[in-house]
Amino acid sequence: GIATGLAWTAAGGDLLFIESVMVPGKGELHLTGQLGEVMKESAQAALSYARSFCGDSDIPGDFFTKHDTHIHVPAGSIPKDGPSAGITIATALVSVLTRRPVNRRLAMSGEITLRGDVLPIGGLKEKVLAAKAAGVKTLVLPKLNKRDLAEVPKELKSGIKFHFVEHMRDVLKLALLPARP
């Protein structure tokens, strides 16, 4: 479960890689990678969404009591915080649960509610710039940010396909590839 997110930083935008794994354990959540309080809350909300997602799938109801969840955001000592990684974390978790890889040519940004609604983000221009610089061709963003795209110069938007979503099920349809045999 590795998903690519977009982050706003004081120096502009950046890509954010979210890794997740589930291992036999006692149902604990482990968060690593210099996460601030807001990112920790996003991870909790994403995990709750992933747990509710399991209710609609063939994953056993006691799965989470028998497995620990580890979410890691690499990038060394760079502090990471802000309300826009929820959909990326939830995508990484659902990827692990369903054994479906995430499309590596796609990046996303958006916060998540416990019901799976996708909330708007800030720093759209900087995030599009980061995606463009990294060669990302597809972005998944909150529908409520569609109007903000008018503020992004045409040259930054060219060559990028934008998908505006309202719910995690829309994110997962775009982000998850078929399960590997």
C-alpha atoms as a PDB file:
ATOM      1  CA  GLY A   1       0.000   0.000   0.000  1.00  0.00           C
ATOM      2  CA  ILE A   2       1.878   3.016  -1.297  1.00  0.00           C
ATOM      3  CA  ALA A   3      -0.031   6.076  -2.498  1.00  0.00           C
ATOM      4  CA  THR A   4       1.274   9.418  -3.759  1.00  0.00           C
ATOM      5  CA  GLY A   5      -0.077  12.577  -2.201  1.00  0.00           C
ATOM      6  CA  LEU A   6       0.570  16.245  -2.737  1.00  0.00           C
ATOM      7  CA  ALA A   7       1.695  18.550   0.040  1.00  0.00           C
ATOM      8  CA  TRP A   8       2.024  22.273   0.508  1.00  0.00           C
ATOM      9  CA  THR A   9       5.309  23.382   2.048  1.00  0.00           C
ATOM     10  CA  ALA A  10       6.822  26.754   2.862  1.00  0.00           C
ATOM     11  CA  ALA A  11       9.032  26.274  -0.213  1.00  0.00           C
ATOM     12  CA  GLY A  12       6.089  25.372  -2.504  1.00  0.00           C
ATOM     13  CA  GLY A  13       4.518  22.007  -3.261  1.00  0.00           C
ATOM     14  CA  ASP A  14       5.960  18.550  -2.872  1.00  0.00           C
ATOM     15  CA  LEU A  15       5.094  14.902  -3.429  1.00  0.00           C
ATOM     16  CA  LEU A  16       4.278  12.889  -0.337  1.00  0.00           C
ATOM     17  CA  PHE A  17       4.534   9.107  -0.357  1.00  0.00           C
ATOM     18  CA  ILE A  18       2.296   7.296   2.110  1.00  0.00           C
ATOM     19  CA  GLU A  19       3.195   3.689   2.922  1.00  0.00           C
ATOM     20  CA  SER A  20       0.961   1.308   4.820  1.00  0.00           C
ATOM     21  CA  VAL A  21       1.225  -2.285   5.923  1.00  0.00           C
ATOM     22  CA  MET A  22      -0.856  -4.568   8.109  1.00  0.00           C
ATOM     23  CA  VAL A  23       0.857  -7.249  10.152  1.00  0.00           C
ATOM     24  CA  PRO A  24      -0.350  -9.785  12.706  1.00  0.00           C
ATOM     25  CA  GLY A  25      -0.827  -8.022  16.022  1.00  0.00           C
ATOM     26  CA  LYS A  26      -3.369  -6.705  18.503  1.00  0.00           C
ATOM     27  CA  GLY A  27      -5.200  -4.023  16.526  1.00  0.00           C
ATOM     28  CA  GLU A  28      -2.773  -1.168  17.198  1.00  0.00           C
ATOM     29  CA  LEU A  29      -2.113   1.808  14.926  1.00  0.00           C
ATOM     30  CA  HIS A  30       1.524   2.862  14.441  1.00  0.00           C
ATOM     31  CA  LEU A  31       2.317   6.207  12.812  1.00  0.00           C
ATOM     32  CA  THR A  32       5.857   7.132  11.813  1.00  0.00           C
ATOM     33  CA  GLY A  33       7.567   9.835   9.781  1.00  0.00           C
ATOM     34  CA  GLN A  34       7.535  13.154  11.669  1.00  0.00           C
ATOM     35  CA  LEU A  35       3.753  13.582  11.511  1.00  0.00           C
ATOM     36  CA  GLY A  36       2.071  16.565  13.116  1.00  0.00           C
ATOM     37  CA  GLU A  37      -1.196  16.372  15.049  1.00  0.00           C
ATOM     38  CA  VAL A  38      -3.397  17.142  12.026  1.00  0.00           C
ATOM     39  CA  MET A  39      -1.783  14.349   9.980  1.00  0.00           C
ATOM     40  CA  LYS A  40      -2.264  11.954  12.902  1.00  0.00           C
ATOM     41  CA  GLU A  41      -5.955  12.858  12.964  1.00  0.00           C
ATOM     42  CA  SER A  42      -6.144  12.305   9.195  1.00  0.00           C
ATOM     43  CA  ALA A  43      -4.595   8.865   9.669  1.00  0.00           C
ATOM     44  CA  GLN A  44      -7.137   7.984  12.370  1.00  0.00           C
ATOM     45  CA  ALA A  45     -10.027   9.098  10.137  1.00  0.00           C
ATOM     46  CA  ALA A  46      -8.577   7.187   7.161  1.00  0.00           C
ATOM     47  CA  LEU A  47      -8.258   4.039   9.262  1.00  0.00           C
ATOM     48  CA  SER A  48     -11.855   4.359  10.448  1.00  0.00           C
ATOM     49  CA  TYR A  49     -12.974   4.749   6.835  1.00  0.00           C
ATOM     50  CA  ALA A  50     -10.923   1.693   5.824  1.00  0.00           C
ATOM     51  CA  ARG A  51     -12.515  -0.314   8.639  1.00  0.00           C
ATOM     52  CA  SER A  52     -15.992   0.694   7.486  1.00  0.00           C
ATOM     53  CA  PHE A  53     -14.973  -0.156   3.901  1.00  0.00           C
ATOM     54  CA  CYS A  54     -14.331  -3.713   5.112  1.00  0.00           C
ATOM     55  CA  GLY A  55     -17.983  -4.029   6.064  1.00  0.00           C
ATOM     56  CA  ASP A  56     -18.821  -3.942   2.352  1.00  0.00           C
ATOM     57  CA  SER A  57     -16.175  -6.487   1.344  1.00  0.00           C
ATOM     58  CA  ASP A  58     -15.153 -10.050   2.103  1.00  0.00           C
ATOM     59  CA  ILE A  59     -12.595  -9.040   4.752  1.00  0.00           C
ATOM     60  CA  PRO A  60     -13.373 -10.783   8.080  1.00  0.00           C
ATOM     61  CA  GLY A  61     -14.930  -8.581  10.763  1.00  0.00           C
ATOM     62  CA  ASP A  62     -12.191  -9.409  13.282  1.00  0.00           C
ATOM     63  CA  PHE A  63      -9.350  -8.563  10.877  1.00  0.00           C
ATOM     64  CA  PHE A  64      -8.446  -5.306  12.616  1.00  0.00           C
ATOM     65  CA  THR A  65      -8.374  -6.857  16.088  1.00  0.00           C
ATOM     66  CA  LYS A  66      -5.840  -9.423  14.879  1.00  0.00           C
ATOM     67  CA  HIS A  67      -3.625  -7.061  12.858  1.00  0.00           C
ATOM     68  CA  ASP A  68      -1.635  -3.916  13.576  1.00  0.00           C
ATOM     69  CA  THR A  69      -1.729  -1.101  11.047  1.00  0.00           C
ATOM     70  CA  HIS A  70       1.469   0.831  10.326  1.00  0.00           C
ATOM     71  CA  ILE A  71       1.327   4.062   8.334  1.00  0.00           C
ATOM     72  CA  HIS A  72       4.656   5.624   7.418  1.00  0.00           C
ATOM     73  CA  VAL A  73       5.398   8.889   5.647  1.00  0.00           C
ATOM     74  CA  PRO A  74       9.058   8.834   4.617  1.00  0.00           C
ATOM     75  CA  ALA A  75      11.146  11.961   4.005  1.00  0.00           C
ATOM     76  CA  GLY A  76      13.494  11.919   6.914  1.00  0.00           C
ATOM     77  CA  SER A  77      13.363  14.781   9.320  1.00  0.00           C
ATOM     78  CA  ILE A  78      10.985  16.978   7.321  1.00  0.00           C
ATOM     79  CA  PRO A  79       7.924  17.668   9.518  1.00  0.00           C
ATOM     80  CA  LYS A  80       4.651  16.845   7.785  1.00  0.00           C
ATOM     81  CA  ASP A  81       1.329  18.291   8.834  1.00  0.00           C
ATOM     82  CA  GLY A  82      -1.826  19.679   7.309  1.00  0.00           C
ATOM     83  CA  PRO A  83      -5.365  18.660   6.469  1.00  0.00           C
ATOM     84  CA  SER A  84      -4.954  17.231   2.987  1.00  0.00           C
ATOM     85  CA  ALA A  85      -3.525  13.703   3.230  1.00  0.00           C
ATOM     86  CA  GLY A  86      -6.627  11.822   4.357  1.00  0.00           C
ATOM     87  CA  ILE A  87      -7.585  10.414   0.954  1.00  0.00           C
ATOM     88  CA  THR A  88      -3.997   9.400   0.262  1.00  0.00           C
ATOM     89  CA  ILE A  89      -3.731   7.543   3.575  1.00  0.00           C
ATOM     90  CA  ALA A  90      -7.125   5.866   3.066  1.00  0.00           C
ATOM     91  CA  THR A  91      -6.116   4.799  -0.457  1.00  0.00           C
ATOM     92  CA  ALA A  92      -2.897   3.221   0.837  1.00  0.00           C
ATOM     93  CA  LEU A  93      -4.865   1.352   3.518  1.00  0.00           C
ATOM     94  CA  VAL A  94      -7.547   0.070   1.157  1.00  0.00           C
ATOM     95  CA  SER A  95      -4.778  -0.967  -1.253  1.00  0.00           C
ATOM     96  CA  VAL A  96      -3.324  -3.215   1.454  1.00  0.00           C
ATOM     97  CA  LEU A  97      -6.723  -4.599   2.447  1.00  0.00           C
ATOM     98  CA  THR A  98      -7.789  -5.436  -1.107  1.00  0.00           C
ATOM     99  CA  ARG A  99      -4.315  -6.372  -2.367  1.00  0.00           C
ATOM    100  CA  ARG A 100      -4.839  -3.935  -5.244  1.00  0.00           C
ATOM    101  CA  PRO A 101      -1.851  -1.739  -6.144  1.00  0.00           C
ATOM    102  CA  VAL A 102      -2.216   2.021  -6.467  1.00  0.00           C
ATOM    103  CA  ASN A 103      -1.654   3.648  -9.853  1.00  0.00           C
ATOM    104  CA  ARG A 104       1.847   5.128  -9.484  1.00  0.00           C
ATOM    105  CA  ARG A 105       1.224   7.727 -12.214  1.00  0.00           C
ATOM    106  CA  LEU A 106      -1.473   9.383 -10.135  1.00  0.00           C
ATOM    107  CA  ALA A 107      -1.222  11.779  -7.194  1.00  0.00           C
ATOM    108  CA  MET A 108      -3.938  13.092  -4.919  1.00  0.00           C
ATOM    109  CA  SER A 109      -4.796  15.618  -2.253  1.00  0.00           C
ATOM    110  CA  GLY A 110      -7.880  15.889  -0.078  1.00  0.00           C
ATOM    111  CA  GLU A 111      -9.072  15.404   3.455  1.00  0.00           C
ATOM    112  CA  ILE A 112     -11.499  12.638   4.411  1.00  0.00           C
ATOM    113  CA  THR A 113     -14.459  12.424   6.746  1.00  0.00           C
ATOM    114  CA  LEU A 114     -15.414   9.272   8.624  1.00  0.00           C
ATOM    115  CA  ARG A 115     -18.143   8.694   6.023  1.00  0.00           C
ATOM    116  CA  GLY A 116     -15.642   8.973   3.174  1.00  0.00           C
ATOM    117  CA  ASP A 117     -16.566  12.442   1.955  1.00  0.00           C
ATOM    118  CA  VAL A 118     -13.656  14.344   0.368  1.00  0.00           C
ATOM    119  CA  LEU A 119     -13.051  17.812   1.789  1.00  0.00           C
ATOM    120  CA  PRO A 120     -11.277  20.730   0.053  1.00  0.00           C
ATOM    121  CA  ILE A 121      -7.607  21.578   0.410  1.00  0.00           C
ATOM    122  CA  GLY A 122      -5.385  24.645   0.224  1.00  0.00           C
ATOM    123  CA  GLY A 123      -2.249  25.296  -1.800  1.00  0.00           C
ATOM    124  CA  LEU A 124      -3.652  23.980  -5.080  1.00  0.00           C
ATOM    125  CA  LYS A 125      -1.289  25.973  -7.310  1.00  0.00           C
ATOM    126  CA  GLU A 126       1.791  24.773  -5.396  1.00  0.00           C
ATOM    127  CA  LYS A 127       0.571  21.176  -5.477  1.00  0.00           C
ATOM    128  CA  VAL A 128      -0.063  21.281  -9.237  1.00  0.00           C
ATOM    129  CA  LEU A 129       3.432  22.737  -9.699  1.00  0.00           C
ATOM    130  CA  ALA A 130       4.946  19.883  -7.676  1.00  0.00           C
ATOM    131  CA  ALA A 131       3.011  17.309  -9.735  1.00  0.00           C
ATOM    132  CA  LYS A 132       4.110  18.944 -12.993  1.00  0.00           C
ATOM    133  CA  ALA A 133       7.765  19.015 -11.895  1.00  0.00           C
ATOM    134  CA  ALA A 134       7.605  15.312 -10.969  1.00  0.00           C
ATOM    135  CA  GLY A 135       5.987  14.316 -14.262  1.00  0.00           C
ATOM    136  CA  VAL A 136       2.675  13.266 -12.696  1.00  0.00           C
ATOM    137  CA  LYS A 137      -0.001  13.167 -15.408  1.00  0.00           C
ATOM    138  CA  THR A 138      -3.163  12.555 -13.343  1.00  0.00           C
ATOM    139  CA  LEU A 139      -4.383  14.389 -10.247  1.00  0.00           C
ATOM    140  CA  VAL A 140      -7.299  13.502  -7.994  1.00  0.00           C
ATOM    141  CA  LEU A 141      -8.607  16.512  -6.100  1.00  0.00           C
ATOM    142  CA  PRO A 142     -11.701  17.535  -4.116  1.00  0.00           C
ATOM    143  CA  LYS A 143     -14.639  18.648  -6.230  1.00  0.00           C
ATOM    144  CA  LEU A 144     -14.935  21.765  -4.080  1.00  0.00           C
ATOM    145  CA  ASN A 145     -11.485  22.861  -5.334  1.00  0.00           C
ATOM    146  CA  LYS A 146     -12.489  22.802  -9.013  1.00  0.00           C
ATOM    147  CA  ARG A 147     -13.145  26.555  -8.991  1.00  0.00           C
ATOM    148  CA  ASP A 148      -9.619  27.150  -7.628  1.00  0.00           C
ATOM    149  CA  LEU A 149      -8.104  25.620 -10.749  1.00  0.00           C
ATOM    150  CA  ALA A 150      -8.859  28.900 -12.577  1.00  0.00           C
ATOM    151  CA  GLU A 151      -6.048  30.491 -10.518  1.00  0.00           C
ATOM    152  CA  VAL A 152      -3.495  27.975 -11.830  1.00  0.00           C
ATOM    153  CA  PRO A 153      -1.654  29.123 -14.984  1.00  0.00           C
ATOM    154  CA  LYS A 154      -2.465  27.216 -18.199  1.00  0.00           C
ATOM    155  CA  GLU A 155       1.138  26.107 -18.695  1.00  0.00           C
ATOM    156  CA  LEU A 156       1.057  24.336 -15.326  1.00  0.00           C
ATOM    157  CA  LYS A 157      -2.208  22.575 -16.145  1.00  0.00           C
ATOM    158  CA  SER A 158      -1.208  21.446 -19.626  1.00  0.00           C
ATOM    159  CA  GLY A 159      -0.544  17.735 -19.912  1.00  0.00           C
ATOM    160  CA  ILE A 160      -2.254  16.948 -16.590  1.00  0.00           C
ATOM    161  CA  LYS A 161      -5.634  15.251 -16.346  1.00  0.00           C
ATOM    162  CA  PHE A 162      -7.697  16.454 -13.385  1.00  0.00           C
ATOM    163  CA  HIS A 163     -10.336  14.347 -11.647  1.00  0.00           C
ATOM    164  CA  PHE A 164     -12.526  16.110  -9.100  1.00  0.00           C
ATOM    165  CA  VAL A 165     -14.148  13.801  -6.568  1.00  0.00           C
ATOM    166  CA  GLU A 166     -16.698  13.993  -3.759  1.00  0.00           C
ATOM    167  CA  HIS A 167     -16.290  10.602  -2.075  1.00  0.00           C
ATOM    168  CA  MET A 168     -13.592   7.997  -1.377  1.00  0.00           C
ATOM    169  CA  ARG A 169     -15.340   5.448  -3.606  1.00  0.00           C
ATOM    170  CA  ASP A 170     -14.593   7.827  -6.525  1.00  0.00           C
ATOM    171  CA  VAL A 171     -10.944   8.091  -5.421  1.00  0.00           C
ATOM    172  CA  LEU A 172     -10.600   4.303  -5.199  1.00  0.00           C
ATOM    173  CA  LYS A 173     -12.123   3.777  -8.660  1.00  0.00           C
ATOM    174  CA  LEU A 174      -9.464   6.063 -10.114  1.00  0.00           C
ATOM    175  CA  ALA A 175      -6.497   5.070  -7.961  1.00  0.00           C
ATOM    176  CA  LEU A 176      -6.631   1.300  -7.493  1.00  0.00           C
ATOM    177  CA  LEU A 177      -5.489  -1.059 -10.211  1.00  0.00           C
ATOM    178  CA  PRO A 178      -6.809  -4.628 -10.566  1.00  0.00           C
ATOM    179  CA  ALA A 179      -5.559  -7.124  -8.011  1.00  0.00           C
ATOM    180  CA  ARG A 180      -2.435  -9.012  -8.957  1.00  0.00           C
ATOM    181  CA  PRO A 181      -2.879 -12.770  -9.436  1.00  0.00           C
END
